[in-house]
PDB file of N, CA and C in Angstrom:
ATOM      1  N   MET A   1       0.823  -1.194   0.000  1.00  0.00           N
ATOM      2  CA  MET A   1       0.000   0.000   0.000  1.00  0.00           C
ATOM      3  C   MET A   1       0.868   1.259   0.000  1.00  0.00           C
ATOM      4  N   GLY A   2       1.975   1.180   0.729  1.00  0.00           N
ATOM      5  CA  GLY A   2       2.886   2.313   0.789  1.00  0.00           C
ATOM      6  C   GLY A   2       3.506   2.612  -0.569  1.00  0.00           C
ATOM      7  N   ARG A   3       3.784   1.563  -1.343  1.00  0.00           N
ATOM      8  CA  ARG A   3       4.353   1.753  -2.687  1.00  0.00           C
ATOM      9  C   ARG A   3       3.355   2.452  -3.615  1.00  0.00           C
ATOM     10  N   LEU A   4       2.100   2.094  -3.484  1.00  0.00           N
ATOM     11  CA  LEU A   4       1.066   2.698  -4.321  1.00  0.00           C
ATOM     12  C   LEU A   4       0.935   4.195  -4.033  1.00  0.00           C
ATOM     13  N   ILE A   5       0.933   4.545  -2.768  1.00  0.00           N
ATOM     14  CA  ILE A   5       0.840   5.953  -2.396  1.00  0.00           C
ATOM     15  C   ILE A   5       2.075   6.708  -2.879  1.00  0.00           C
ATOM     16  N   THR A   6       3.244   6.108  -2.724  1.00  0.00           N
ATOM     17  CA  THR A   6       4.476   6.733  -3.197  1.00  0.00           C
ATOM     18  C   THR A   6       4.431   6.931  -4.707  1.00  0.00           C
ATOM     19  N   LEU A   7       3.946   5.938  -5.419  1.00  0.00           N
ATOM     20  CA  LEU A   7       3.840   6.032  -6.870  1.00  0.00           C
ATOM     21  C   LEU A   7       2.871   7.139  -7.286  1.00  0.00           C
ATOM     22  N   LEU A   8       1.737   7.256  -6.606  1.00  0.00           N
ATOM     23  CA  LEU A   8       0.775   8.312  -6.902  1.00  0.00           C
ATOM     24  C   LEU A   8       1.352   9.702  -6.636  1.00  0.00           C
ATOM     25  N   VAL A   9       2.068   9.839  -5.545  1.00  0.00           N
ATOM     26  CA  VAL A   9       2.687  11.127  -5.226  1.00  0.00           C
ATOM     27  C   VAL A   9       3.730  11.484  -6.281  1.00  0.00           C
ATOM     28  N   LEU A  10       4.547  10.512  -6.672  1.00  0.00           N
ATOM     29  CA  LEU A  10       5.561  10.762  -7.698  1.00  0.00           C
ATOM     30  C   LEU A  10       4.930  11.113  -9.044  1.00  0.00           C
ATOM     31  N   ALA A  11       3.853  10.415  -9.402  1.00  0.00           N
ATOM     32  CA  ALA A  11       3.165  10.710 -10.662  1.00  0.00           C
ATOM     33  C   ALA A  11       2.558  12.112 -10.629  1.00  0.00           C
ATOM     34  N   THR A  12       2.013  12.504  -9.486  1.00  0.00           N
ATOM     35  CA  THR A  12       1.444  13.841  -9.349  1.00  0.00           C
ATOM     36  C   THR A  12       2.525  14.906  -9.484  1.00  0.00           C
ATOM     37  N   LEU A  13       3.657  14.696  -8.818  1.00  0.00           N
ATOM     38  CA  LEU A  13       4.763  15.648  -8.907  1.00  0.00           C
ATOM     39  C   LEU A  13       5.354  15.689 -10.313  1.00  0.00           C
ATOM     40  N   ALA A  14       5.419  14.550 -10.987  1.00  0.00           N
ATOM     41  CA  ALA A  14       5.926  14.519 -12.366  1.00  0.00           C
ATOM     42  C   ALA A  14       4.990  15.289 -13.290  1.00  0.00           C
ATOM     43  N   SER A  15       3.699  15.152 -13.073  1.00  0.00           N
ATOM     44  CA  SER A  15       2.732  15.904 -13.879  1.00  0.00           C
ATOM     45  C   SER A  15       2.931  17.401 -13.699  1.00  0.00           C
ATOM     46  N   LYS A  16       3.115  17.822 -12.469  1.00  0.00           N
ATOM     47  CA  LYS A  16       3.328  19.241 -12.184  1.00  0.00           C
ATOM     48  C   LYS A  16       4.642  19.719 -12.814  1.00  0.00           C
ATOM     49  N   ALA A  17       5.669  18.896 -12.759  1.00  0.00           N
ATOM     50  CA  ALA A  17       6.977  19.286 -13.284  1.00  0.00           C
ATOM     51  C   ALA A  17       6.968  19.385 -14.813  1.00  0.00           C
ATOM     52  N   PHE A  18       6.323  18.449 -15.479  1.00  0.00           N
ATOM     53  CA  PHE A  18       6.357  18.420 -16.947  1.00  0.00           C
ATOM     54  C   PHE A  18       5.342  19.349 -17.600  1.00  0.00           C
ATOM     55  N   THR A  19       4.164  19.484 -17.018  1.00  0.00           N
ATOM     56  CA  THR A  19       3.117  20.293 -17.647  1.00  0.00           C
ATOM     57  C   THR A  19       2.914  21.642 -16.973  1.00  0.00           C
ATOM     58  N   GLY A  20       3.425  21.789 -15.765  1.00  0.00           N
ATOM     59  CA  GLY A  20       3.217  23.029 -15.022  1.00  0.00           C
ATOM     60  C   GLY A  20       1.861  23.103 -14.357  1.00  0.00           C
ATOM     61  N   ARG A  21       1.119  22.023 -14.410  1.00  0.00           N
ATOM     62  CA  ARG A  21      -0.224  21.983 -13.806  1.00  0.00           C
ATOM     63  C   ARG A  21      -0.381  20.682 -13.031  1.00  0.00           C
ATOM     64  N   TRP A  22      -1.208  20.740 -12.012  1.00  0.00           N
ATOM     65  CA  TRP A  22      -1.542  19.538 -11.262  1.00  0.00           C
ATOM     66  C   TRP A  22      -2.497  18.687 -12.091  1.00  0.00           C
ATOM     67  N   PRO A  23      -2.554  17.381 -11.851  1.00  0.00           N
ATOM     68  CA  PRO A  23      -3.432  16.506 -12.655  1.00  0.00           C
ATOM     69  C   PRO A  23      -4.896  16.919 -12.630  1.00  0.00           C
ATOM     70  N   TRP A  24      -5.399  17.365 -11.495  1.00  0.00           N
ATOM     71  CA  TRP A  24      -6.819  17.769 -11.418  1.00  0.00           C
ATOM     72  C   TRP A  24      -7.072  19.032 -12.225  1.00  0.00           C
ATOM     73  N   GLU A  25      -6.067  19.875 -12.404  1.00  0.00           N
ATOM     74  CA  GLU A  25      -6.221  21.034 -13.276  1.00  0.00           C
ATOM     75  C   GLU A  25      -6.307  20.597 -14.735  1.00  0.00           C
ATOM     76  N   LEU A  26      -5.535  19.584 -15.095  1.00  0.00           N
ATOM     77  CA  LEU A  26      -5.579  19.071 -16.468  1.00  0.00           C
ATOM     78  C   LEU A  26      -6.928  18.455 -16.784  1.00  0.00           C
ATOM     79  N   TRP A  27      -7.525  17.752 -15.838  1.00  0.00           N
ATOM     80  CA  TRP A  27      -8.849  17.159 -16.062  1.00  0.00           C
ATOM     81  C   TRP A  27      -9.888  18.245 -16.271  1.00  0.00           C
ATOM     82  N   ARG A  28      -9.810  19.312 -15.481  1.00  0.00           N
ATOM     83  CA  ARG A  28     -10.766  20.415 -15.615  1.00  0.00           C
ATOM     84  C   ARG A  28     -10.612  21.086 -16.975  1.00  0.00           C
ATOM     85  N   LEU A  29      -9.361  21.269 -17.416  1.00  0.00           N
ATOM     86  CA  LEU A  29      -9.123  21.865 -18.729  1.00  0.00           C
ATOM     87  C   LEU A  29      -9.665  20.974 -19.839  1.00  0.00           C
ATOM     88  N   SER A  30      -9.538  19.665 -19.652  1.00  0.00           N
ATOM     89  CA  SER A  30     -10.037  18.732 -20.653  1.00  0.00           C
ATOM     90  C   SER A  30     -11.553  18.830 -20.777  1.00  0.00           C
ATOM     91  N   GLU A  31     -12.249  18.911 -19.653  1.00  0.00           N
ATOM     92  CA  GLU A  31     -13.708  19.047 -19.694  1.00  0.00           C
ATOM     93  C   GLU A  31     -14.105  20.360 -20.363  1.00  0.00           C
ATOM     94  N   ARG A  32     -13.392  21.419 -20.048  1.00  0.00           N
ATOM     95  CA  ARG A  32     -13.701  22.725 -20.637  1.00  0.00           C
ATOM     96  C   ARG A  32     -13.473  22.694 -22.143  1.00  0.00           C
ATOM     97  N   SER A  33     -12.382  22.064 -22.580  1.00  0.00           N
ATOM     98  CA  SER A  33     -12.107  22.030 -24.013  1.00  0.00           C
ATOM     99  C   SER A  33     -13.135  21.176 -24.753  1.00  0.00           C
ATOM    100  N   GLN A  34     -13.634  20.130 -24.112  1.00  0.00           N
ATOM    101  CA  GLN A  34     -14.698  19.334 -24.733  1.00  0.00           C
ATOM    102  C   GLN A  34     -15.973  20.152 -24.867  1.00  0.00           C
ATOM    103  N   ASP A  35     -16.306  20.911 -23.840  1.00  0.00           N
ATOM    104  CA  ASP A  35     -17.495  21.774 -23.894  1.00  0.00           C
ATOM    105  C   ASP A  35     -17.346  22.823 -24.994  1.00  0.00           C
ATOM    106  N   GLU A  36     -16.141  23.387 -25.108  1.00  0.00           N
ATOM    107  CA  GLU A  36     -15.909  24.392 -26.145  1.00  0.00           C
ATOM    108  C   GLU A  36     -15.983  23.773 -27.534  1.00  0.00           C
ATOM    109  N   ALA A  37     -15.495  22.545 -27.695  1.00  0.00           N
ATOM    110  CA  ALA A  37     -15.581  21.870 -28.993  1.00  0.00           C
ATOM    111  C   ALA A  37     -17.037  21.618 -29.376  1.00  0.00           C
ATOM    112  N   GLN A  38     -17.854  21.217 -28.412  1.00  0.00           N
ATOM    113  CA  GLN A  38     -19.278  21.008 -28.689  1.00  0.00           C
ATOM    114  C   GLN A  38     -19.957  22.322 -29.045  1.00  0.00           C
ATOM    115  N   ALA A  39     -19.576  23.396 -28.372  1.00  0.00           N
ATOM    116  CA  ALA A  39     -20.162  24.705 -28.666  1.00  0.00           C
ATOM    117  C   ALA A  39     -19.775  25.154 -30.074  1.00  0.00           C
ATOM    118  N   ARG A  40     -18.508  24.954 -30.437  1.00  0.00           N
ATOM    119  CA  ARG A  40     -18.077  25.320 -31.799  1.00  0.00           C
ATOM    120  C   ARG A  40     -18.802  24.494 -32.847  1.00  0.00           C
ATOM    121  N   ALA A  41     -19.004  23.214 -32.573  1.00  0.00           N
ATOM    122  CA  ALA A  41     -19.718  22.352 -33.522  1.00  0.00           C
ATOM    123  C   ALA A  41     -21.170  22.798 -33.665  1.00  0.00           C
ATOM    124  N   LEU A  42     -21.804  23.157 -32.562  1.00  0.00           N
ATOM    125  CA  LEU A  42     -23.194  23.603 -32.616  1.00  0.00           C
ATOM    126  C   LEU A  42     -23.332  24.871 -33.446  1.00  0.00           C
ATOM    127  N   LEU A  43     -22.385  25.791 -33.267  1.00  0.00           N
ATOM    128  CA  LEU A  43     -22.445  27.059 -34.001  1.00  0.00           C
ATOM    129  C   LEU A  43     -21.771  26.978 -35.367  1.00  0.00           C
ATOM    130  N   GLY A  44     -21.078  25.881 -35.644  1.00  0.00           N
ATOM    131  CA  GLY A  44     -20.421  25.716 -36.936  1.00  0.00           C
ATOM    132  C   GLY A  44     -19.202  26.614 -37.104  1.00  0.00           C
ATOM    133  N   LEU A  45     -18.394  26.715 -36.058  1.00  0.00           N
ATOM    134  CA  LEU A  45     -17.241  27.602 -36.075  1.00  0.00           C
ATOM    135  C   LEU A  45     -15.944  26.828 -35.891  1.00  0.00           C
ATOM    136  N   GLY A  46     -14.847  27.443 -36.281  1.00  0.00           N
ATOM    137  CA  GLY A  46     -13.528  26.877 -36.050  1.00  0.00           C
ATOM    138  C   GLY A  46     -12.929  27.409 -34.760  1.00  0.00           C
ATOM    139  N   ARG A  47     -11.759  26.895 -34.396  1.00  0.00           N
ATOM    140  CA  ARG A  47     -11.104  27.301 -33.144  1.00  0.00           C
ATOM    141  C   ARG A  47     -10.706  28.772 -33.135  1.00  0.00           C
ATOM    142  N   ASP A  48     -10.437  29.325 -34.293  1.00  0.00           N
ATOM    143  CA  ASP A  48      -9.930  30.694 -34.358  1.00  0.00           C
ATOM    144  C   ASP A  48     -11.024  31.721 -34.646  1.00  0.00           C
ATOM    145  N   ALA A  49     -12.263  31.396 -34.333  1.00  0.00           N
ATOM    146  CA  ALA A  49     -13.385  32.309 -34.604  1.00  0.00           C
ATOM    147  C   ALA A  49     -13.261  33.567 -33.753  1.00  0.00           C
ATOM    148  N   ARG A  50     -13.540  34.681 -34.371  1.00  0.00           N
ATOM    149  CA  ARG A  50     -13.505  35.970 -33.681  1.00  0.00           C
ATOM    150  C   ARG A  50     -14.868  36.263 -33.048  1.00  0.00           C
ATOM    151  N   ARG A  51     -14.905  37.305 -32.238  1.00  0.00           N
ATOM    152  CA  ARG A  51     -16.130  37.678 -31.524  1.00  0.00           C
ATOM    153  C   ARG A  51     -17.293  37.921 -32.478  1.00  0.00           C
ATOM    154  N   ASP A  52     -17.066  38.683 -33.529  1.00  0.00           N
ATOM    155  CA  ASP A  52     -18.153  38.985 -34.460  1.00  0.00           C
ATOM    156  C   ASP A  52     -18.632  37.730 -35.192  1.00  0.00           C
ATOM    157  N   GLU A  53     -17.735  36.790 -35.468  1.00  0.00           N
ATOM    158  CA  GLU A  53     -18.143  35.535 -36.102  1.00  0.00           C
ATOM    159  C   GLU A  53     -19.000  34.687 -35.165  1.00  0.00           C
ATOM    160  N   ILE A  54     -18.646  34.678 -33.891  1.00  0.00           N
ATOM    161  CA  ILE A  54     -19.428  33.918 -32.902  1.00  0.00           C
ATOM    162  C   ILE A  54     -20.835  34.491 -32.797  1.00  0.00           C
ATOM    163  N   ILE A  55     -20.928  35.795 -32.718  1.00  0.00           N
ATOM    164  CA  ILE A  55     -22.236  36.438 -32.593  1.00  0.00           C
ATOM    165  C   ILE A  55     -23.077  36.208 -33.845  1.00  0.00           C
ATOM    166  N   GLU A  56     -22.465  36.303 -35.018  1.00  0.00           N
ATOM    167  CA  GLU A  56     -23.200  36.078 -36.267  1.00  0.00           C
ATOM    168  C   GLU A  56     -23.661  34.625 -36.385  1.00  0.00           C
ATOM    169  N   ALA A  57     -22.808  33.681 -36.007  1.00  0.00           N
ATOM    170  CA  ALA A  57     -23.197  32.266 -36.049  1.00  0.00           C
ATOM    171  C   ALA A  57     -24.350  32.007 -35.082  1.00  0.00           C
ATOM    172  N   HIS A  58     -24.331  32.650 -33.929  1.00  0.00           N
ATOM    173  CA  HIS A  58     -25.418  32.510 -32.958  1.00  0.00           C
ATOM    174  C   HIS A  58     -26.729  33.035 -33.547  1.00  0.00           C
ATOM    175  N   ARG A  59     -26.661  34.180 -34.204  1.00  0.00           N
ATOM    176  CA  ARG A  59     -27.878  34.746 -34.819  1.00  0.00           C
ATOM    177  C   ARG A  59     -28.432  33.823 -35.902  1.00  0.00           C
ATOM    178  N   ARG A  60     -27.541  33.277 -36.723  1.00  0.00           N
ATOM    179  CA  ARG A  60     -27.995  32.353 -37.778  1.00  0.00           C
ATOM    180  C   ARG A  60     -28.662  31.125 -37.173  1.00  0.00           C
ATOM    181  N   LEU A  61     -28.056  30.585 -36.112  1.00  0.00           N
ATOM    182  CA  LEU A  61     -28.628  29.405 -35.465  1.00  0.00           C
ATOM    183  C   LEU A  61     -29.980  29.734 -34.843  1.00  0.00           C
ATOM    184  N   LEU A  62     -30.101  30.899 -34.245  1.00  0.00           N
ATOM    185  CA  LEU A  62     -31.380  31.280 -33.635  1.00  0.00           C
ATOM    186  C   LEU A  62     -32.494  31.385 -34.663  1.00  0.00           C
ATOM    187  N   THR A  63     -32.172  31.816 -35.878  1.00  0.00           N
ATOM    188  CA  THR A  63     -33.223  31.903 -36.892  1.00  0.00           C
ATOM    189  C   THR A  63     -33.752  30.523 -37.258  1.00  0.00           C
ATOM    190  N   ARG A  64     -32.948  29.485 -37.051  1.00  0.00           N
ATOM    191  CA  ARG A  64     -33.401  28.121 -37.362  1.00  0.00           C
ATOM    192  C   ARG A  64     -34.088  27.443 -36.197  1.00  0.00           C
ATOM    193  N   VAL A  65     -33.664  27.732 -34.951  1.00  0.00           N
ATOM    194  CA  VAL A  65     -34.176  26.973 -33.803  1.00  0.00           C
ATOM    195  C   VAL A  65     -35.154  27.750 -32.936  1.00  0.00           C
ATOM    196  N   HIS A  66     -35.512  28.950 -33.324  1.00  0.00           N
ATOM    197  CA  HIS A  66     -36.446  29.750 -32.520  1.00  0.00           C
ATOM    198  C   HIS A  66     -37.811  29.056 -32.471  1.00  0.00           C
ATOM    199  N   PRO A  67     -38.476  29.089 -31.328  1.00  0.00           N
ATOM    200  CA  PRO A  67     -39.787  28.429 -31.203  1.00  0.00           C
ATOM    201  C   PRO A  67     -40.824  28.912 -32.222  1.00  0.00           C
ATOM    202  N   ASP A  68     -40.739  30.149 -32.647  1.00  0.00           N
ATOM    203  CA  ASP A  68     -41.678  30.645 -33.654  1.00  0.00           C
ATOM    204  C   ASP A  68     -41.426  30.022 -35.019  1.00  0.00           C
ATOM    205  N   ARG A  69     -40.287  29.409 -35.198  1.00  0.00           N
ATOM    206  CA  ARG A  69     -39.946  28.780 -36.478  1.00  0.00           C
ATOM    207  C   ARG A  69     -39.864  27.256 -36.377  1.00  0.00           C
ATOM    208  N   GLY A  70     -40.447  26.706 -35.338  1.00  0.00           N
ATOM    209  CA  GLY A  70     -40.510  25.259 -35.210  1.00  0.00           C
ATOM    210  C   GLY A  70     -39.462  24.661 -34.295  1.00  0.00           C
ATOM    211  N   GLY A  71     -38.622  25.476 -33.697  1.00  0.00           N
ATOM    212  CA  GLY A  71     -37.621  24.979 -32.762  1.00  0.00           C
ATOM    213  C   GLY A  71     -38.183  24.903 -31.355  1.00  0.00           C
ATOM    214  N   THR A  72     -37.308  24.679 -30.411  1.00  0.00           N
ATOM    215  CA  THR A  72     -37.734  24.607 -29.012  1.00  0.00           C
ATOM    216  C   THR A  72     -36.935  25.604 -28.179  1.00  0.00           C
ATOM    217  N   SER A  73     -37.451  25.881 -27.008  1.00  0.00           N
ATOM    218  CA  SER A  73     -36.738  26.801 -26.122  1.00  0.00           C
ATOM    219  C   SER A  73     -35.435  26.175 -25.629  1.00  0.00           C
ATOM    220  N   ASP A  74     -35.389  24.847 -25.521  1.00  0.00           N
ATOM    221  CA  ASP A  74     -34.142  24.179 -25.135  1.00  0.00           C
ATOM    222  C   ASP A  74     -33.053  24.413 -26.171  1.00  0.00           C
ATOM    223  N   GLN A  75     -33.418  24.396 -27.443  1.00  0.00           N
ATOM    224  CA  GLN A  75     -32.439  24.659 -28.488  1.00  0.00           C
ATOM    225  C   GLN A  75     -31.937  26.100 -28.427  1.00  0.00           C
ATOM    226  N   VAL A  76     -32.818  27.023 -28.112  1.00  0.00           N
ATOM    227  CA  VAL A  76     -32.424  28.430 -27.970  1.00  0.00           C
ATOM    228  C   VAL A  76     -31.465  28.583 -26.797  1.00  0.00           C
ATOM    229  N   HIS A  77     -31.769  27.908 -25.685  1.00  0.00           N
ATOM    230  CA  HIS A  77     -30.890  27.986 -24.519  1.00  0.00           C
ATOM    231  C   HIS A  77     -29.531  27.350 -24.806  1.00  0.00           C
ATOM    232  N   ALA A  78     -29.506  26.253 -25.547  1.00  0.00           N
ATOM    233  CA  ALA A  78     -28.236  25.607 -25.909  1.00  0.00           C
ATOM    234  C   ALA A  78     -27.399  26.533 -26.789  1.00  0.00           C
ATOM    235  N   ALA A  79     -28.046  27.227 -27.709  1.00  0.00           N
ATOM    236  CA  ALA A  79     -27.328  28.171 -28.572  1.00  0.00           C
ATOM    237  C   ALA A  79     -26.753  29.316 -27.754  1.00  0.00           C
ATOM    238  N   ALA A  80     -27.508  29.808 -26.801  1.00  0.00           N
ATOM    239  CA  ALA A  80     -27.029  30.907 -25.957  1.00  0.00           C
ATOM    240  C   ALA A  80     -25.863  30.451 -25.079  1.00  0.00           C
ATOM    241  N   ARG A  81     -25.961  29.223 -24.538  1.00  0.00           N
ATOM    242  CA  ARG A  81     -24.851  28.692 -23.733  1.00  0.00           C
ATOM    243  C   ARG A  81     -23.592  28.545 -24.573  1.00  0.00           C
ATOM    244  N   ALA A  82     -23.751  28.071 -25.806  1.00  0.00           N
ATOM    245  CA  ALA A  82     -22.595  27.906 -26.697  1.00  0.00           C
ATOM    246  C   ALA A  82     -21.952  29.260 -26.982  1.00  0.00           C
ATOM    247  N   ARG A  83     -22.772  30.253 -27.280  1.00  0.00           N
ATOM    248  CA  ARG A  83     -22.245  31.601 -27.544  1.00  0.00           C
ATOM    249  C   ARG A  83     -21.519  32.135 -26.325  1.00  0.00           C
ATOM    250  N   ASP A  84     -22.141  32.025 -25.153  1.00  0.00           N
ATOM    251  CA  ASP A  84     -21.544  32.562 -23.935  1.00  0.00           C
ATOM    252  C   ASP A  84     -20.229  31.861 -23.594  1.00  0.00           C
ATOM    253  N   LEU A  85     -20.177  30.555 -23.801  1.00  0.00           N
ATOM    254  CA  LEU A  85     -18.966  29.793 -23.511  1.00  0.00           C
ATOM    255  C   LEU A  85     -17.817  30.227 -24.411  1.00  0.00           C
ATOM    256  N   LEU A  86     -18.093  30.398 -25.692  1.00  0.00           N
ATOM    257  CA  LEU A  86     -17.038  30.791 -26.620  1.00  0.00           C
ATOM    258  C   LEU A  86     -16.607  32.238 -26.410  1.00  0.00           C
ATOM    259  N   LEU A  87     -17.541  33.113 -26.068  1.00  0.00           N
ATOM    260  CA  LEU A  87     -17.166  34.499 -25.778  1.00  0.00           C
ATOM    261  C   LEU A  87     -16.342  34.582 -24.492  1.00  0.00           C
ATOM    262  N   ALA A  88     -16.670  33.761 -23.509  1.00  0.00           N
ATOM    263  CA  ALA A  88     -15.882  33.728 -22.271  1.00  0.00           C
ATOM    264  C   ALA A  88     -14.470  33.231 -22.559  1.00  0.00           C
ATOM    265  N   ARG A  89     -14.335  32.281 -23.474  1.00  0.00           N
ATOM    266  CA  ARG A  89     -13.006  31.783 -23.854  1.00  0.00           C
ATOM    267  C   ARG A  89     -12.188  32.902 -24.478  1.00  0.00           C
ATOM    268  N   LEU A  90     -12.812  33.678 -25.342  1.00  0.00           N
ATOM    269  CA  LEU A  90     -12.097  34.800 -25.962  1.00  0.00           C
ATOM    270  C   LEU A  90     -11.645  35.804 -24.906  1.00  0.00           C
ATOM    271  N   GLU A  91     -12.481  36.073 -23.927  1.00  0.00           N
ATOM    272  CA  GLU A  91     -12.111  37.001 -22.863  1.00  0.00           C
ATOM    273  C   GLU A  91     -10.946  36.471 -22.047  1.00  0.00           C
ATOM    274  N   ARG A  92     -10.976  35.156 -21.731  1.00  0.00           N
ATOM    275  CA  ARG A  92      -9.862  34.552 -20.985  1.00  0.00           C
ATOM    276  C   ARG A  92      -8.568  34.661 -21.775  1.00  0.00           C
ATOM    277  N   LEU A  93      -8.625  34.354 -23.059  1.00  0.00           N
ATOM    278  CA  LEU A  93      -7.432  34.420 -23.897  1.00  0.00           C
ATOM    279  C   LEU A  93      -6.939  35.852 -24.033  1.00  0.00           C
ATOM    280  N   GLY A  94      -7.849  36.807 -24.124  1.00  0.00           N
ATOM    281  CA  GLY A  94      -7.473  38.200 -24.240  1.00  0.00           C
ATOM    282  C   GLY A  94      -6.799  38.711 -22.994  1.00  0.00           C
ATOM    283  N   GLN A  95      -7.225  38.227 -21.841  1.00  0.00           N
ATOM    284  CA  GLN A  95      -6.628  38.661 -20.574  1.00  0.00           C
ATOM    285  C   GLN A  95      -5.264  38.027 -20.371  1.00  0.00           C
ATOM    286  N   GLN A  96      -5.067  36.813 -20.904  1.00  0.00           N
ATOM    287  CA  GLN A  96      -3.796  36.120 -20.718  1.00  0.00           C
ATOM    288  C   GLN A  96      -2.712  36.688 -21.627  1.00  0.00           C
ATOM    289  N   GLN A  97      -3.089  37.238 -22.756  1.00  0.00           N
ATOM    290  CA  GLN A  97      -2.084  37.702 -23.718  1.00  0.00           C
ATOM    291  C   GLN A  97      -1.659  39.103 -23.451  1.00  0.00           C
TER     292      GLN A  97
END
């Protein structure tokens, strides 16, 4: 049991040394990047989409999924979440640079 704990501690320290992040930070980043990939797919955008492209893609999607045009409110909320997630990513990147 002591060897297992030692191995886990060493693996955790190696992760921090090689990536600069703790393993639990890497898992959180992975979940966030998956959410962002789904948002980009929903809006039909690439990774390098600018703010105006995100907003325009959101507007185009809303014209298709709005309840008055046969869509549902859940689809409208999903589109808004996707837009907000991608705009928040741009803000984070802008603050880091």
